[in-house]
Amino acid sequence: MFDGPEPIYVQIAQMIRAQVLAGELAEEEQVMSTTQFATTFRINPATAAKAFTGLVDEGVLYKRRGLGMFVAPGARERLLEQHRTAYFDDVLGPALAQADLLGIPTDDLVAYVLGTGRRKSGGPTTTTEES
């Protein structure tokens, strides 16, 4: 299951963040304990604990003494905002800079995004033309 290039604790944290973002884990919902996590995925409990500690530090999870870990109130909204910011900074910003470098007019970009424009390079259209 955890076969990516990142350390296992990072992959666990990414998995839990994804579950919160997708609504699979709701606010105030309890998550598996580190022991359950370790047993289920056959990993060292310290690895799971490291992932959970990071998520607590981020405000995604919080601990109820004697009860376990729970999804923090507002966690999904915080994660959405972080991902939106990253999207604009890492994806859209560079794409718009490239469009500027290529001399693509803003109106063409807007029309393309809205599905009403054509690519000027002769590539596929985003809508069909009426005769």
N, C-alpha and C. Protein backbone atom coordinates (compact mmCIF):
# COMPACT_ATOMS: atom_id res chain seq x y z
N MET A 1 0.82 -1.19 0.00
CA MET A 1 0.00 0.00 0.00
C MET A 1 0.86 1.25 0.00
N PHE A 2 1.83 1.32 0.87
CA PHE A 2 2.67 2.50 0.96
C PHE A 2 3.96 2.24 0.20
N ASP A 3 3.88 2.33 -1.13
CA ASP A 3 5.03 2.02 -1.95
C ASP A 3 5.57 3.22 -2.72
N GLY A 4 5.11 4.42 -2.37
CA GLY A 4 5.60 5.63 -3.03
C GLY A 4 7.01 5.97 -2.60
N PRO A 5 7.61 6.96 -3.24
CA PRO A 5 8.99 7.34 -2.91
C PRO A 5 9.11 8.11 -1.59
N GLU A 6 8.00 8.68 -1.11
CA GLU A 6 8.04 9.44 0.13
C GLU A 6 8.08 8.48 1.32
N PRO A 7 8.57 8.99 2.46
CA PRO A 7 8.53 8.16 3.67
C PRO A 7 7.08 7.74 3.98
N ILE A 8 6.92 6.61 4.63
CA ILE A 8 5.59 6.07 4.92
C ILE A 8 4.76 7.06 5.74
N TYR A 9 5.36 7.74 6.72
CA TYR A 9 4.57 8.67 7.54
C TYR A 9 4.02 9.81 6.69
N VAL A 10 4.75 10.23 5.66
CA VAL A 10 4.27 11.28 4.75
C VAL A 10 3.10 10.74 3.93
N GLN A 11 3.21 9.50 3.47
CA GLN A 11 2.12 8.90 2.70
C GLN A 11 0.86 8.72 3.54
N ILE A 12 1.03 8.37 4.81
CA ILE A 12 -0.12 8.24 5.71
C ILE A 12 -0.80 9.59 5.87
N ALA A 13 -0.02 10.62 6.11
CA ALA A 13 -0.58 11.96 6.28
C ALA A 13 -1.30 12.41 5.01
N GLN A 14 -0.72 12.12 3.85
CA GLN A 14 -1.37 12.48 2.58
C GLN A 14 -2.69 11.74 2.42
N MET A 15 -2.72 10.47 2.81
CA MET A 15 -3.93 9.67 2.71
C MET A 15 -5.04 10.25 3.60
N ILE A 16 -4.69 10.62 4.82
CA ILE A 16 -5.69 11.17 5.74
C ILE A 16 -6.16 12.54 5.24
N ARG A 17 -5.23 13.38 4.76
CA ARG A 17 -5.63 14.67 4.21
C ARG A 17 -6.61 14.47 3.05
N ALA A 18 -6.31 13.51 2.17
CA ALA A 18 -7.18 13.23 1.02
C ALA A 18 -8.56 12.77 1.48
N GLN A 19 -8.62 11.96 2.54
CA GLN A 19 -9.91 11.51 3.06
C GLN A 19 -10.71 12.67 3.64
N VAL A 20 -10.02 13.59 4.29
CA VAL A 20 -10.71 14.77 4.84
C VAL A 20 -11.21 15.64 3.69
N LEU A 21 -10.35 15.89 2.69
CA LEU A 21 -10.75 16.70 1.54
C LEU A 21 -11.95 16.10 0.82
N ALA A 22 -11.97 14.78 0.67
CA ALA A 22 -13.04 14.10 -0.06
C ALA A 22 -14.31 13.97 0.78
N GLY A 23 -14.24 14.33 2.05
CA GLY A 23 -15.40 14.20 2.92
C GLY A 23 -15.58 12.79 3.47
N GLU A 24 -14.61 11.92 3.24
CA GLU A 24 -14.69 10.56 3.77
C GLU A 24 -14.47 10.55 5.29
N LEU A 25 -13.73 11.53 5.77
CA LEU A 25 -13.57 11.75 7.21
C LEU A 25 -14.15 13.13 7.51
N ALA A 26 -15.20 13.17 8.30
CA ALA A 26 -15.88 14.42 8.61
C ALA A 26 -15.31 15.05 9.88
N GLU A 27 -15.60 16.34 10.07
CA GLU A 27 -15.20 17.02 11.30
C GLU A 27 -15.71 16.25 12.50
N GLU A 28 -14.87 16.18 13.51
CA GLU A 28 -15.18 15.50 14.77
C GLU A 28 -15.26 13.98 14.66
N GLU A 29 -14.99 13.44 13.48
CA GLU A 29 -15.00 11.98 13.32
C GLU A 29 -13.68 11.41 13.84
N GLN A 30 -13.78 10.29 14.52
CA GLN A 30 -12.59 9.65 15.05
C GLN A 30 -11.85 8.91 13.94
N VAL A 31 -10.53 9.00 13.97
CA VAL A 31 -9.70 8.25 13.03
C VAL A 31 -9.11 7.05 13.76
N MET A 32 -8.60 6.11 13.00
CA MET A 32 -7.98 4.92 13.60
C MET A 32 -6.87 5.33 14.55
N SER A 33 -6.70 4.57 15.60
CA SER A 33 -5.59 4.81 16.52
C SER A 33 -4.29 4.41 15.84
N THR A 34 -3.17 4.86 16.40
CA THR A 34 -1.88 4.49 15.83
C THR A 34 -1.70 2.98 15.87
N THR A 35 -2.18 2.35 16.93
CA THR A 35 -2.08 0.89 17.04
C THR A 35 -2.92 0.20 15.96
N GLN A 36 -4.16 0.66 15.77
CA GLN A 36 -5.01 0.10 14.72
C GLN A 36 -4.38 0.30 13.35
N PHE A 37 -3.85 1.50 13.15
CA PHE A 37 -3.21 1.83 11.88
C PHE A 37 -2.03 0.89 11.64
N ALA A 38 -1.20 0.74 12.65
CA ALA A 38 -0.01 -0.12 12.53
C ALA A 38 -0.40 -1.57 12.26
N THR A 39 -1.43 -2.05 12.93
CA THR A 39 -1.88 -3.42 12.75
C THR A 39 -2.50 -3.61 11.37
N THR A 40 -3.36 -2.69 10.96
CA THR A 40 -4.04 -2.79 9.67
C THR A 40 -3.06 -2.76 8.51
N PHE A 41 -2.10 -1.85 8.58
CA PHE A 41 -1.19 -1.67 7.45
C PHE A 41 0.18 -2.31 7.66
N ARG A 42 0.33 -3.02 8.79
CA ARG A 42 1.57 -3.73 9.10
C ARG A 42 2.79 -2.80 9.03
N ILE A 43 2.68 -1.73 9.80
CA ILE A 43 3.78 -0.78 9.90
C ILE A 43 4.12 -0.56 11.36
N ASN A 44 5.22 0.07 11.62
CA ASN A 44 5.64 0.39 12.97
C ASN A 44 4.69 1.45 13.56
N PRO A 45 4.20 1.25 14.78
CA PRO A 45 3.31 2.25 15.39
C PRO A 45 3.95 3.64 15.48
N ALA A 46 5.26 3.71 15.62
CA ALA A 46 5.94 5.01 15.68
C ALA A 46 5.81 5.76 14.35
N THR A 47 5.74 5.02 13.26
CA THR A 47 5.58 5.64 11.94
C THR A 47 4.20 6.29 11.85
N ALA A 48 3.18 5.57 12.27
CA ALA A 48 1.82 6.12 12.27
C ALA A 48 1.74 7.31 13.21
N ALA A 49 2.37 7.19 14.38
CA ALA A 49 2.34 8.29 15.35
C ALA A 49 3.00 9.54 14.79
N LYS A 50 4.07 9.37 14.02
CA LYS A 50 4.74 10.52 13.41
C LYS A 50 3.82 11.23 12.41
N ALA A 51 3.07 10.46 11.64
CA ALA A 51 2.10 11.05 10.70
C ALA A 51 1.02 11.81 11.46
N PHE A 52 0.50 11.21 12.51
CA PHE A 52 -0.57 11.83 13.29
C PHE A 52 -0.07 13.10 13.97
N THR A 53 1.15 13.07 14.49
CA THR A 53 1.71 14.26 15.13
C THR A 53 1.80 15.41 14.14
N GLY A 54 2.24 15.12 12.93
CA GLY A 54 2.29 16.16 11.90
C GLY A 54 0.93 16.72 11.58
N LEU A 55 -0.08 15.85 11.50
CA LEU A 55 -1.44 16.30 11.21
C LEU A 55 -2.03 17.11 12.36
N VAL A 56 -1.65 16.79 13.59
CA VAL A 56 -2.07 17.60 14.74
C VAL A 56 -1.43 18.98 14.65
N ASP A 57 -0.15 19.01 14.33
CA ASP A 57 0.57 20.28 14.18
C ASP A 57 -0.04 21.16 13.09
N GLU A 58 -0.57 20.53 12.04
CA GLU A 58 -1.21 21.26 10.93
C GLU A 58 -2.63 21.69 11.26
N GLY A 59 -3.21 21.14 12.32
CA GLY A 59 -4.59 21.46 12.66
C GLY A 59 -5.60 20.60 11.93
N VAL A 60 -5.16 19.49 11.34
CA VAL A 60 -6.08 18.58 10.65
C VAL A 60 -6.72 17.63 11.65
N LEU A 61 -5.94 17.18 12.62
CA LEU A 61 -6.43 16.29 13.67
C LEU A 61 -6.21 16.92 15.04
N TYR A 62 -6.94 16.44 16.00
CA TYR A 62 -6.67 16.81 17.39
C TYR A 62 -6.90 15.58 18.26
N LYS A 63 -6.29 15.59 19.43
CA LYS A 63 -6.36 14.44 20.32
C LYS A 63 -7.30 14.73 21.48
N ARG A 64 -8.18 13.78 21.74
CA ARG A 64 -9.01 13.81 22.94
C ARG A 64 -8.40 12.81 23.91
N ARG A 65 -7.93 13.33 25.01
CA ARG A 65 -7.24 12.48 25.98
C ARG A 65 -8.10 11.28 26.35
N GLY A 66 -7.51 10.12 26.20
CA GLY A 66 -8.18 8.88 26.55
C GLY A 66 -9.14 8.35 25.50
N LEU A 67 -9.40 9.14 24.45
CA LEU A 67 -10.36 8.72 23.42
C LEU A 67 -9.72 8.48 22.06
N GLY A 68 -8.68 9.23 21.73
CA GLY A 68 -8.02 9.06 20.44
C GLY A 68 -7.96 10.33 19.63
N MET A 69 -7.73 10.15 18.35
CA MET A 69 -7.59 11.25 17.40
C MET A 69 -8.89 11.49 16.64
N PHE A 70 -9.16 12.77 16.41
CA PHE A 70 -10.38 13.18 15.71
C PHE A 70 -10.04 14.24 14.68
N VAL A 71 -10.89 14.34 13.65
CA VAL A 71 -10.72 15.38 12.64
C VAL A 71 -11.10 16.71 13.27
N ALA A 72 -10.23 17.68 13.12
CA ALA A 72 -10.42 18.99 13.74
C ALA A 72 -11.53 19.77 13.03
N PRO A 73 -12.27 20.57 13.79
CA PRO A 73 -13.26 21.45 13.16
C PRO A 73 -12.55 22.39 12.18
N GLY A 74 -13.14 22.55 11.00
CA GLY A 74 -12.58 23.44 9.98
C GLY A 74 -11.41 22.85 9.20
N ALA A 75 -11.07 21.58 9.46
CA ALA A 75 -9.91 20.97 8.79
C ALA A 75 -10.09 20.93 7.28
N ARG A 76 -11.27 20.55 6.82
CA ARG A 76 -11.50 20.46 5.37
C ARG A 76 -11.35 21.82 4.71
N GLU A 77 -11.91 22.85 5.33
CA GLU A 77 -11.81 24.18 4.76
C GLU A 77 -10.37 24.66 4.71
N ARG A 78 -9.59 24.39 5.76
CA ARG A 78 -8.18 24.77 5.78
C ARG A 78 -7.41 24.05 4.68
N LEU A 79 -7.68 22.75 4.53
CA LEU A 79 -7.00 21.98 3.48
C LEU A 79 -7.39 22.47 2.10
N LEU A 80 -8.67 22.77 1.90
CA LEU A 80 -9.11 23.31 0.61
C LEU A 80 -8.39 24.61 0.29
N GLU A 81 -8.30 25.50 1.26
CA GLU A 81 -7.62 26.78 1.04
C GLU A 81 -6.15 26.56 0.72
N GLN A 82 -5.50 25.65 1.43
CA GLN A 82 -4.08 25.36 1.15
C GLN A 82 -3.92 24.81 -0.27
N HIS A 83 -4.79 23.91 -0.68
CA HIS A 83 -4.70 23.31 -2.00
C HIS A 83 -5.03 24.33 -3.10
N ARG A 84 -5.99 25.20 -2.85
CA ARG A 84 -6.31 26.24 -3.82
C ARG A 84 -5.12 27.18 -4.00
N THR A 85 -4.52 27.58 -2.89
CA THR A 85 -3.35 28.47 -2.96
C THR A 85 -2.22 27.78 -3.73
N ALA A 86 -1.97 26.51 -3.42
CA ALA A 86 -0.93 25.77 -4.11
C ALA A 86 -1.24 25.65 -5.60
N TYR A 87 -2.51 25.45 -5.94
CA TYR A 87 -2.91 25.35 -7.35
C TYR A 87 -2.59 26.65 -8.08
N PHE A 88 -2.96 27.76 -7.50
CA PHE A 88 -2.68 29.05 -8.15
C PHE A 88 -1.17 29.30 -8.25
N ASP A 89 -0.44 29.00 -7.18
CA ASP A 89 1.00 29.25 -7.16
C ASP A 89 1.78 28.28 -8.04
N ASP A 90 1.41 27.00 -8.00
CA ASP A 90 2.22 25.97 -8.64
C ASP A 90 1.75 25.58 -10.04
N VAL A 91 0.47 25.77 -10.33
CA VAL A 91 -0.08 25.32 -11.60
C VAL A 91 -0.51 26.50 -12.47
N LEU A 92 -1.45 27.26 -11.97
CA LEU A 92 -2.02 28.32 -12.80
C LEU A 92 -1.05 29.47 -13.04
N GLY A 93 -0.31 29.88 -12.01
CA GLY A 93 0.66 30.97 -12.18
C GLY A 93 1.67 30.68 -13.28
N PRO A 94 2.35 29.54 -13.22
CA PRO A 94 3.29 29.22 -14.30
C PRO A 94 2.61 29.08 -15.67
N ALA A 95 1.40 28.54 -15.71
CA ALA A 95 0.69 28.40 -16.99
C ALA A 95 0.38 29.78 -17.57
N LEU A 96 -0.04 30.71 -16.74
CA LEU A 96 -0.33 32.06 -17.22
C LEU A 96 0.94 32.78 -17.64
N ALA A 97 2.03 32.54 -16.94
CA ALA A 97 3.31 33.13 -17.34
C ALA A 97 3.73 32.59 -18.70
N GLN A 98 3.53 31.30 -18.94
CA GLN A 98 3.86 30.71 -20.24
C GLN A 98 2.96 31.28 -21.33
N ALA A 99 1.67 31.45 -21.03
CA ALA A 99 0.76 32.04 -22.00
C ALA A 99 1.19 33.46 -22.36
N ASP A 100 1.63 34.21 -21.37
CA ASP A 100 2.12 35.57 -21.61
C ASP A 100 3.36 35.54 -22.50
N LEU A 101 4.26 34.62 -22.22
CA LEU A 101 5.48 34.47 -23.01
C LEU A 101 5.15 34.12 -24.46
N LEU A 102 4.10 33.33 -24.66
CA LEU A 102 3.68 32.93 -26.00
C LEU A 102 2.80 33.96 -26.69
N GLY A 103 2.46 35.01 -25.96
CA GLY A 103 1.64 36.07 -26.54
C GLY A 103 0.18 35.70 -26.69
N ILE A 104 -0.31 34.81 -25.86
CA ILE A 104 -1.72 34.42 -25.92
C ILE A 104 -2.54 35.50 -25.21
N PRO A 105 -3.45 36.13 -25.93
CA PRO A 105 -4.26 37.20 -25.31
C PRO A 105 -5.14 36.67 -24.18
N THR A 106 -5.35 37.49 -23.18
CA THR A 106 -6.18 37.14 -22.04
C THR A 106 -7.58 36.72 -22.48
N ASP A 107 -8.14 37.42 -23.47
CA ASP A 107 -9.47 37.07 -23.96
C ASP A 107 -9.52 35.64 -24.50
N ASP A 108 -8.44 35.21 -25.16
CA ASP A 108 -8.39 33.85 -25.67
C ASP A 108 -8.34 32.84 -24.52
N LEU A 109 -7.58 33.17 -23.48
CA LEU A 109 -7.50 32.28 -22.32
C LEU A 109 -8.86 32.14 -21.65
N VAL A 110 -9.53 33.26 -21.45
CA VAL A 110 -10.85 33.24 -20.81
C VAL A 110 -11.83 32.45 -21.66
N ALA A 111 -11.83 32.68 -22.96
CA ALA A 111 -12.74 31.96 -23.84
C ALA A 111 -12.46 30.46 -23.80
N TYR A 112 -11.19 30.09 -23.75
CA TYR A 112 -10.84 28.67 -23.70
C TYR A 112 -11.32 28.03 -22.40
N VAL A 113 -11.11 28.72 -21.29
CA VAL A 113 -11.54 28.20 -20.00
C VAL A 113 -13.06 28.06 -19.95
N LEU A 114 -13.76 29.02 -20.53
CA LEU A 114 -15.22 28.98 -20.53
C LEU A 114 -15.77 28.01 -21.56
N GLY A 115 -14.90 27.48 -22.41
CA GLY A 115 -15.35 26.52 -23.41
C GLY A 115 -15.96 27.15 -24.63
N THR A 116 -15.72 28.44 -24.83
CA THR A 116 -16.32 29.12 -25.99
C THR A 116 -15.28 29.50 -27.03
N GLY A 117 -14.03 29.17 -26.78
CA GLY A 117 -12.96 29.59 -27.69
C GLY A 117 -12.35 28.45 -28.45
N ARG A 118 -11.49 28.81 -29.38
CA ARG A 118 -10.73 27.86 -30.18
C ARG A 118 -9.26 28.10 -29.93
N ARG A 119 -8.50 27.05 -30.10
CA ARG A 119 -7.05 27.22 -30.07
C ARG A 119 -6.64 27.82 -31.40
N LYS A 120 -5.76 28.78 -31.36
CA LYS A 120 -5.30 29.45 -32.57
C LYS A 120 -4.29 28.62 -33.35
N SER A 121 -3.72 27.59 -32.71
CA SER A 121 -2.67 26.80 -33.35
C SER A 121 -3.21 25.75 -34.30
N GLY A 122 -4.52 25.70 -34.48
CA GLY A 122 -5.08 24.69 -35.35
C GLY A 122 -5.38 23.40 -34.62
N GLY A 123 -5.21 23.40 -33.31
CA GLY A 123 -5.49 22.22 -32.50
C GLY A 123 -6.99 22.01 -32.37
N PRO A 124 -7.37 21.04 -31.59
CA PRO A 124 -8.80 20.76 -31.42
C PRO A 124 -9.54 21.94 -30.79
N THR A 125 -10.78 22.07 -31.14
CA THR A 125 -11.60 23.13 -30.57
C THR A 125 -12.21 22.65 -29.27
N THR A 126 -12.65 23.63 -28.47
CA THR A 126 -13.31 23.28 -27.22
C THR A 126 -14.81 23.24 -27.38
N THR A 127 -15.29 23.79 -28.49
CA THR A 127 -16.72 23.72 -28.79
C THR A 127 -16.87 23.46 -30.28
N THR A 128 -18.04 23.03 -30.68
CA THR A 128 -18.28 22.84 -32.11
C THR A 128 -18.79 24.14 -32.70
N GLU A 129 -18.42 24.37 -33.94
CA GLU A 129 -18.88 25.58 -34.61
C GLU A 129 -20.21 25.32 -35.29
N GLU A 130 -21.07 26.32 -35.28
CA GLU A 130 -22.35 26.20 -35.95
C GLU A 130 -22.18 26.58 -37.41
N SER A 131 -22.92 25.95 -38.31
CA SER A 131 -22.83 26.26 -39.74
C SER A 131 -23.72 27.39 -40.09
